[in-house]
N, C-alpha and C. Protein backbone atom coordinates (compact mmCIF):
# COMPACT_ATOMS: atom_id res chain seq x y z
N MET A 1 114.54 86.22 123.22
CA MET A 1 114.77 87.47 122.51
C MET A 1 114.55 88.63 123.48
N THR A 2 115.45 89.56 123.52
CA THR A 2 115.30 90.70 124.42
C THR A 2 114.33 91.70 123.83
N ASP A 3 113.62 92.37 124.73
CA ASP A 3 112.66 93.37 124.31
C ASP A 3 113.37 94.72 124.23
N VAL A 4 113.79 95.08 123.01
CA VAL A 4 114.51 96.33 122.78
C VAL A 4 113.52 97.50 122.86
N SER A 5 113.89 98.52 123.57
CA SER A 5 113.03 99.69 123.73
C SER A 5 113.14 100.60 122.52
N MET A 6 112.00 100.90 121.90
CA MET A 6 112.01 101.79 120.74
C MET A 6 110.88 102.79 120.85
N PRO A 7 111.10 103.99 120.37
CA PRO A 7 110.03 104.99 120.36
C PRO A 7 108.97 104.64 119.32
N ILE A 8 107.83 105.26 119.44
CA ILE A 8 106.69 104.96 118.57
C ILE A 8 106.99 105.21 117.10
N GLY A 9 107.80 106.20 116.78
CA GLY A 9 108.14 106.49 115.39
C GLY A 9 108.92 105.36 114.75
N VAL A 10 109.84 104.78 115.50
CA VAL A 10 110.64 103.66 114.99
C VAL A 10 109.73 102.45 114.78
N LEU A 11 108.84 102.21 115.74
CA LEU A 11 107.90 101.09 115.59
C LEU A 11 107.00 101.30 114.36
N ALA A 12 106.51 102.51 114.18
CA ALA A 12 105.65 102.81 113.03
C ALA A 12 106.39 102.55 111.72
N ARG A 13 107.61 103.02 111.62
CA ARG A 13 108.39 102.80 110.39
C ARG A 13 108.66 101.32 110.16
N SER A 14 108.99 100.61 111.22
CA SER A 14 109.30 99.18 111.05
C SER A 14 108.07 98.37 110.65
N ALA A 15 106.89 98.85 111.04
CA ALA A 15 105.65 98.14 110.72
C ALA A 15 104.99 98.67 109.46
N GLY A 16 105.47 99.80 108.95
CA GLY A 16 104.87 100.39 107.76
C GLY A 16 103.49 100.97 108.02
N CYS A 17 103.33 101.57 109.18
CA CYS A 17 102.04 102.18 109.48
C CYS A 17 102.25 103.55 110.14
N LYS A 18 101.15 104.21 110.41
CA LYS A 18 101.23 105.54 111.01
C LYS A 18 101.23 105.45 112.53
N ILE A 19 101.78 106.47 113.14
CA ILE A 19 101.79 106.56 114.61
C ILE A 19 100.37 106.51 115.15
N GLN A 20 99.44 107.20 114.46
CA GLN A 20 98.05 107.22 114.91
C GLN A 20 97.44 105.82 114.92
N THR A 21 97.86 104.98 113.98
CA THR A 21 97.36 103.61 113.93
C THR A 21 97.80 102.84 115.16
N ILE A 22 99.05 103.01 115.54
CA ILE A 22 99.57 102.33 116.74
C ILE A 22 98.81 102.80 117.97
N ARG A 23 98.62 104.10 118.09
CA ARG A 23 97.88 104.64 119.24
C ARG A 23 96.45 104.10 119.26
N TYR A 24 95.83 104.02 118.09
CA TYR A 24 94.47 103.50 118.01
C TYR A 24 94.43 102.04 118.46
N TYR A 25 95.32 101.21 117.95
CA TYR A 25 95.35 99.80 118.34
C TYR A 25 95.61 99.66 119.84
N GLU A 26 96.41 100.55 120.38
CA GLU A 26 96.67 100.55 121.82
C GLU A 26 95.39 100.95 122.57
N ASP A 27 94.72 101.99 122.10
CA ASP A 27 93.50 102.49 122.76
C ASP A 27 92.39 101.45 122.80
N ILE A 28 92.27 100.65 121.73
CA ILE A 28 91.19 99.65 121.70
C ILE A 28 91.63 98.30 122.26
N GLY A 29 92.86 98.22 122.73
CA GLY A 29 93.33 97.02 123.40
C GLY A 29 93.85 95.92 122.50
N LEU A 30 94.05 96.19 121.21
CA LEU A 30 94.65 95.17 120.34
C LEU A 30 96.15 95.07 120.57
N LEU A 31 96.75 96.19 120.84
CA LEU A 31 98.19 96.25 121.09
C LEU A 31 98.37 96.60 122.56
N PRO A 32 99.21 95.86 123.28
CA PRO A 32 99.40 96.15 124.70
C PRO A 32 99.94 97.58 124.90
N ALA A 33 99.56 98.17 125.99
CA ALA A 33 100.03 99.51 126.31
C ALA A 33 101.55 99.51 126.39
N ALA A 34 102.12 100.59 125.90
CA ALA A 34 103.58 100.73 125.92
C ALA A 34 104.03 101.15 127.32
N LYS A 35 105.26 100.78 127.61
CA LYS A 35 105.87 101.29 128.84
C LYS A 35 106.15 102.77 128.61
N ARG A 36 106.19 103.54 129.67
CA ARG A 36 106.45 104.98 129.57
C ARG A 36 107.77 105.31 130.25
N THR A 37 108.48 106.22 129.64
CA THR A 37 109.72 106.71 130.25
C THR A 37 109.36 107.72 131.33
N ALA A 38 110.35 108.17 132.06
CA ALA A 38 110.13 109.20 133.08
C ALA A 38 109.54 110.46 132.44
N GLY A 39 109.88 110.71 131.18
CA GLY A 39 109.35 111.85 130.45
C GLY A 39 108.02 111.55 129.77
N SER A 40 107.41 110.41 130.08
CA SER A 40 106.11 109.99 129.57
C SER A 40 106.11 109.61 128.08
N GLN A 41 107.30 109.32 127.52
CA GLN A 41 107.35 108.84 126.14
C GLN A 41 107.06 107.35 126.11
N ARG A 42 106.32 106.95 125.11
CA ARG A 42 106.01 105.53 124.94
C ARG A 42 107.25 104.81 124.43
N ARG A 43 107.48 103.61 124.97
CA ARG A 43 108.58 102.76 124.53
C ARG A 43 108.04 101.37 124.24
N TYR A 44 108.37 100.91 123.05
CA TYR A 44 107.86 99.62 122.58
C TYR A 44 109.00 98.64 122.42
N GLY A 45 108.66 97.37 122.55
CA GLY A 45 109.65 96.32 122.40
C GLY A 45 109.36 95.44 121.21
N GLU A 46 110.18 94.41 121.07
CA GLU A 46 110.05 93.47 119.97
C GLU A 46 108.69 92.77 120.00
N SER A 47 108.19 92.49 121.18
CA SER A 47 106.87 91.83 121.26
C SER A 47 105.78 92.74 120.68
N HIS A 48 105.90 94.05 120.88
CA HIS A 48 104.95 94.99 120.28
C HIS A 48 105.07 94.94 118.75
N ARG A 49 106.30 94.92 118.26
CA ARG A 49 106.52 94.89 116.81
C ARG A 49 105.92 93.64 116.19
N GLN A 50 106.12 92.51 116.85
CA GLN A 50 105.57 91.25 116.34
C GLN A 50 104.05 91.25 116.35
N LYS A 51 103.47 91.73 117.43
CA LYS A 51 102.01 91.79 117.53
C LYS A 51 101.44 92.77 116.50
N LEU A 52 102.11 93.90 116.31
CA LEU A 52 101.67 94.87 115.33
C LEU A 52 101.77 94.29 113.91
N ALA A 53 102.81 93.55 113.64
CA ALA A 53 102.96 92.90 112.33
C ALA A 53 101.81 91.90 112.10
N PHE A 54 101.45 91.17 113.13
CA PHE A 54 100.33 90.22 113.07
C PHE A 54 99.04 90.98 112.74
N ILE A 55 98.78 92.05 113.46
CA ILE A 55 97.56 92.86 113.25
C ILE A 55 97.53 93.42 111.83
N ARG A 56 98.64 94.00 111.41
CA ARG A 56 98.70 94.61 110.08
C ARG A 56 98.47 93.57 108.98
N HIS A 57 99.08 92.39 109.12
CA HIS A 57 98.90 91.35 108.12
C HIS A 57 97.45 90.87 108.10
N ALA A 58 96.87 90.69 109.27
CA ALA A 58 95.46 90.29 109.34
C ALA A 58 94.57 91.34 108.71
N ARG A 59 94.86 92.61 108.91
CA ARG A 59 94.08 93.69 108.29
C ARG A 59 94.23 93.66 106.77
N GLU A 60 95.46 93.40 106.30
CA GLU A 60 95.69 93.31 104.85
C GLU A 60 94.87 92.18 104.23
N LEU A 61 94.64 91.12 105.01
CA LEU A 61 93.84 90.00 104.53
C LEU A 61 92.34 90.25 104.74
N GLY A 62 92.01 91.40 105.29
CA GLY A 62 90.61 91.80 105.42
C GLY A 62 89.91 91.37 106.68
N PHE A 63 90.61 90.81 107.64
CA PHE A 63 89.97 90.41 108.88
C PHE A 63 89.47 91.64 109.63
N SER A 64 88.33 91.50 110.27
CA SER A 64 87.76 92.59 111.07
C SER A 64 88.55 92.72 112.37
N LEU A 65 88.42 93.85 113.02
CA LEU A 65 89.10 94.05 114.30
C LEU A 65 88.63 93.05 115.36
N PRO A 66 87.31 92.76 115.46
CA PRO A 66 86.90 91.73 116.43
C PRO A 66 87.52 90.35 116.13
N ALA A 67 87.60 89.99 114.85
CA ALA A 67 88.22 88.70 114.50
C ALA A 67 89.70 88.71 114.85
N ILE A 68 90.36 89.83 114.62
CA ILE A 68 91.79 89.93 114.97
C ILE A 68 91.97 89.81 116.47
N ARG A 69 91.06 90.41 117.22
CA ARG A 69 91.13 90.29 118.69
C ARG A 69 91.06 88.82 119.10
N GLU A 70 90.14 88.08 118.48
CA GLU A 70 90.02 86.65 118.77
C GLU A 70 91.28 85.89 118.38
N LEU A 71 91.81 86.20 117.20
CA LEU A 71 93.00 85.51 116.71
C LEU A 71 94.22 85.81 117.59
N LEU A 72 94.34 87.04 118.04
CA LEU A 72 95.44 87.39 118.94
C LEU A 72 95.35 86.61 120.25
N ALA A 73 94.14 86.48 120.77
CA ALA A 73 93.96 85.71 122.00
C ALA A 73 94.35 84.25 121.78
N LEU A 74 93.98 83.72 120.63
CA LEU A 74 94.36 82.34 120.31
C LEU A 74 95.88 82.21 120.12
N ALA A 75 96.50 83.21 119.51
CA ALA A 75 97.95 83.17 119.27
C ALA A 75 98.72 83.10 120.57
N ASP A 76 98.15 83.63 121.64
CA ASP A 76 98.81 83.59 122.95
C ASP A 76 98.68 82.24 123.62
N GLN A 77 97.84 81.35 123.08
CA GLN A 77 97.63 80.01 123.63
C GLN A 77 98.28 78.99 122.70
N ARG A 78 99.58 78.96 122.69
CA ARG A 78 100.37 78.22 121.70
C ARG A 78 100.04 76.73 121.62
N GLU A 79 99.61 76.11 122.70
CA GLU A 79 99.36 74.67 122.70
C GLU A 79 97.89 74.31 122.48
N SER A 80 97.04 75.29 122.27
CA SER A 80 95.62 75.04 122.07
C SER A 80 95.36 74.48 120.67
N ASP A 81 94.19 73.89 120.53
CA ASP A 81 93.74 73.36 119.24
C ASP A 81 93.53 74.50 118.25
N CYS A 82 93.80 74.25 117.01
CA CYS A 82 93.71 75.25 115.95
C CYS A 82 92.28 75.43 115.42
N ALA A 83 91.33 74.64 115.89
CA ALA A 83 89.97 74.65 115.34
C ALA A 83 89.32 76.03 115.41
N ASP A 84 89.54 76.76 116.50
CA ASP A 84 88.93 78.08 116.63
C ASP A 84 89.50 79.06 115.60
N ALA A 85 90.79 79.01 115.38
CA ALA A 85 91.40 79.88 114.37
C ALA A 85 90.89 79.52 112.98
N ASP A 86 90.75 78.22 112.72
CA ASP A 86 90.21 77.77 111.44
C ASP A 86 88.77 78.26 111.26
N ARG A 87 87.98 78.20 112.33
CA ARG A 87 86.59 78.66 112.28
C ARG A 87 86.52 80.14 111.94
N ILE A 88 87.37 80.94 112.54
CA ILE A 88 87.40 82.38 112.26
C ILE A 88 87.80 82.64 110.81
N ALA A 89 88.82 81.94 110.34
CA ALA A 89 89.26 82.11 108.95
C ALA A 89 88.18 81.63 107.97
N HIS A 90 87.51 80.54 108.30
CA HIS A 90 86.44 80.03 107.44
C HIS A 90 85.29 81.04 107.36
N ARG A 91 84.92 81.59 108.50
CA ARG A 91 83.86 82.61 108.53
C ARG A 91 84.24 83.80 107.65
N HIS A 92 85.50 84.20 107.72
CA HIS A 92 85.98 85.32 106.91
C HIS A 92 85.96 84.97 105.43
N LEU A 93 86.36 83.75 105.08
CA LEU A 93 86.34 83.30 103.70
C LEU A 93 84.90 83.30 103.15
N GLU A 94 83.95 82.86 103.94
CA GLU A 94 82.55 82.88 103.51
C GLU A 94 82.09 84.32 103.24
N SER A 95 82.50 85.23 104.09
CA SER A 95 82.15 86.64 103.90
C SER A 95 82.76 87.18 102.60
N ILE A 96 84.01 86.84 102.35
CA ILE A 96 84.67 87.27 101.11
C ILE A 96 83.96 86.69 99.89
N ASN A 97 83.59 85.43 99.96
CA ASN A 97 82.88 84.81 98.84
C ASN A 97 81.54 85.49 98.57
N ARG A 98 80.82 85.88 99.64
CA ARG A 98 79.56 86.62 99.45
C ARG A 98 79.82 87.97 98.79
N ARG A 99 80.88 88.65 99.22
CA ARG A 99 81.20 89.96 98.62
C ARG A 99 81.62 89.81 97.16
N ILE A 100 82.37 88.76 96.84
CA ILE A 100 82.78 88.52 95.45
C ILE A 100 81.55 88.28 94.59
N ALA A 101 80.61 87.49 95.08
CA ALA A 101 79.37 87.23 94.33
C ALA A 101 78.60 88.53 94.11
N MET A 102 78.53 89.37 95.14
CA MET A 102 77.85 90.65 95.02
C MET A 102 78.57 91.53 93.99
N LEU A 103 79.88 91.58 94.05
CA LEU A 103 80.65 92.39 93.10
C LEU A 103 80.51 91.87 91.67
N ASP A 104 80.46 90.55 91.51
CA ASP A 104 80.22 89.98 90.17
C ASP A 104 78.88 90.45 89.63
N GLY A 105 77.86 90.46 90.47
CA GLY A 105 76.55 90.94 90.05
C GLY A 105 76.57 92.42 89.70
N LEU A 106 77.27 93.19 90.50
CA LEU A 106 77.37 94.63 90.22
C LEU A 106 78.12 94.88 88.92
N ARG A 107 79.18 94.12 88.68
CA ARG A 107 79.92 94.26 87.43
C ARG A 107 79.02 93.96 86.24
N THR A 108 78.26 92.87 86.33
CA THR A 108 77.35 92.50 85.26
C THR A 108 76.34 93.61 85.01
N GLU A 109 75.79 94.16 86.08
CA GLU A 109 74.80 95.23 85.94
C GLU A 109 75.41 96.46 85.27
N LEU A 110 76.61 96.83 85.67
CA LEU A 110 77.26 97.99 85.05
C LEU A 110 77.60 97.73 83.59
N GLU A 111 78.03 96.51 83.28
CA GLU A 111 78.31 96.17 81.89
C GLU A 111 77.05 96.29 81.04
N LEU A 112 75.92 95.82 81.59
CA LEU A 112 74.65 95.93 80.87
C LEU A 112 74.27 97.39 80.65
N MET A 113 74.46 98.21 81.68
CA MET A 113 74.16 99.64 81.54
C MET A 113 74.96 100.25 80.40
N LEU A 114 76.22 99.87 80.32
CA LEU A 114 77.12 100.48 79.34
C LEU A 114 76.92 99.94 77.92
N THR A 115 76.39 98.73 77.79
CA THR A 115 76.25 98.15 76.45
C THR A 115 74.87 98.32 75.85
N HIS A 116 73.88 98.69 76.66
CA HIS A 116 72.52 98.83 76.15
C HIS A 116 72.19 100.30 75.88
N GLY A 117 71.87 100.58 74.66
CA GLY A 117 71.33 101.88 74.29
C GLY A 117 72.17 103.08 74.64
N ARG A 118 73.37 103.13 74.13
CA ARG A 118 74.20 104.31 74.35
C ARG A 118 73.58 105.49 73.59
N GLY A 119 73.40 106.58 74.30
CA GLY A 119 72.84 107.76 73.66
C GLY A 119 73.88 108.86 73.55
N ASN A 120 73.65 109.75 72.63
CA ASN A 120 74.55 110.88 72.47
C ASN A 120 74.24 111.98 73.47
N ARG A 121 73.04 111.98 73.99
CA ARG A 121 72.59 113.02 74.92
C ARG A 121 72.20 112.38 76.25
N ILE A 122 72.30 113.15 77.28
CA ILE A 122 71.94 112.64 78.60
C ILE A 122 70.51 112.11 78.62
N ARG A 123 69.61 112.73 77.90
CA ARG A 123 68.21 112.27 77.89
C ARG A 123 68.10 110.83 77.37
N ASP A 124 69.08 110.38 76.59
CA ASP A 124 69.07 109.03 76.04
C ASP A 124 70.10 108.10 76.71
N CYS A 125 70.71 108.56 77.76
CA CYS A 125 71.80 107.83 78.42
C CYS A 125 71.26 106.70 79.29
N ARG A 126 71.65 105.47 78.98
CA ARG A 126 71.19 104.29 79.71
C ARG A 126 71.69 104.31 81.17
N VAL A 127 72.89 104.77 81.39
CA VAL A 127 73.43 104.82 82.76
C VAL A 127 72.55 105.71 83.63
N ILE A 128 72.26 106.91 83.16
CA ILE A 128 71.43 107.84 83.92
C ILE A 128 70.02 107.26 84.11
N ALA A 129 69.46 106.71 83.07
CA ALA A 129 68.11 106.14 83.14
C ALA A 129 68.05 104.99 84.14
N THR A 130 69.04 104.11 84.11
CA THR A 130 69.05 102.96 85.01
C THR A 130 69.23 103.40 86.45
N LEU A 131 70.09 104.36 86.68
CA LEU A 131 70.27 104.85 88.04
C LEU A 131 69.01 105.53 88.57
N ALA A 132 68.25 106.14 87.69
CA ALA A 132 67.02 106.82 88.08
C ALA A 132 65.86 105.85 88.28
N ASP A 133 65.90 104.67 87.64
CA ASP A 133 64.79 103.73 87.69
C ASP A 133 65.33 102.32 87.89
N HIS A 134 65.28 101.85 89.12
CA HIS A 134 65.84 100.54 89.46
C HIS A 134 65.18 99.40 88.69
N ARG A 135 63.98 99.60 88.20
CA ARG A 135 63.30 98.55 87.44
C ARG A 135 64.04 98.21 86.15
N LEU A 136 64.92 99.09 85.68
CA LEU A 136 65.69 98.82 84.47
C LEU A 136 66.88 97.88 84.74
N CYS A 137 67.16 97.62 86.00
CA CYS A 137 68.25 96.69 86.35
C CYS A 137 67.80 95.26 86.08
N SER A 138 68.75 94.41 85.79
CA SER A 138 68.43 93.02 85.50
C SER A 138 68.29 92.19 86.78
N GLN A 139 68.74 92.73 87.91
CA GLN A 139 68.68 91.98 89.17
C GLN A 139 68.55 92.96 90.33
N SER A 140 68.13 92.44 91.45
CA SER A 140 68.02 93.27 92.66
C SER A 140 69.36 93.29 93.37
N HIS A 141 69.74 94.44 93.83
CA HIS A 141 70.98 94.56 94.60
C HIS A 141 70.82 95.56 95.73
N HIS A 142 69.59 95.81 96.16
CA HIS A 142 69.33 96.75 97.26
C HIS A 142 70.04 96.33 98.53
N ALA A 143 69.79 95.10 98.99
CA ALA A 143 70.36 94.65 100.26
C ALA A 143 71.87 94.56 100.19
N GLU A 144 72.40 94.16 99.05
CA GLU A 144 73.84 94.01 98.91
C GLU A 144 74.55 95.33 99.09
N VAL A 145 74.00 96.40 98.53
CA VAL A 145 74.62 97.72 98.65
C VAL A 145 74.51 98.21 100.08
N ALA A 146 73.37 97.95 100.74
CA ALA A 146 73.17 98.41 102.11
C ALA A 146 74.15 97.73 103.06
N ASP A 147 74.53 96.49 102.78
CA ASP A 147 75.44 95.75 103.66
C ASP A 147 76.90 96.14 103.47
N SER A 148 77.25 96.73 102.36
CA SER A 148 78.65 96.99 102.09
C SER A 148 79.14 98.26 102.71
């Protein structure tokens, strides 16, 4: 496949992202630096578009930038074993499962706040009272909030 030269705006539109995002990915080394014209305009090819699509899809799936960096390095080693990519995806899945469990707990806590002792006045409001006094919560969620 030939590497067609395209300006950054065309690449951004084709990838569904902003120009600033492309520049950022280039600055942090996720996306290879673009070739420059004599007028110093960036020119991108099909390989940039494919790599950017990979990055964008990985971001949509919630992978961190360090994990994407690892996955991109693995993607360039086409004949290597898939175990490292599986390990990265498994680690990400475990993280998602922890966040889902935390969100389930937060949902339960909010539902309890809303169903217990609804007051007509703020002085009787369970939501305000619970937010002011953590002891009214049914479970601890201090560390979970700090990690998110």
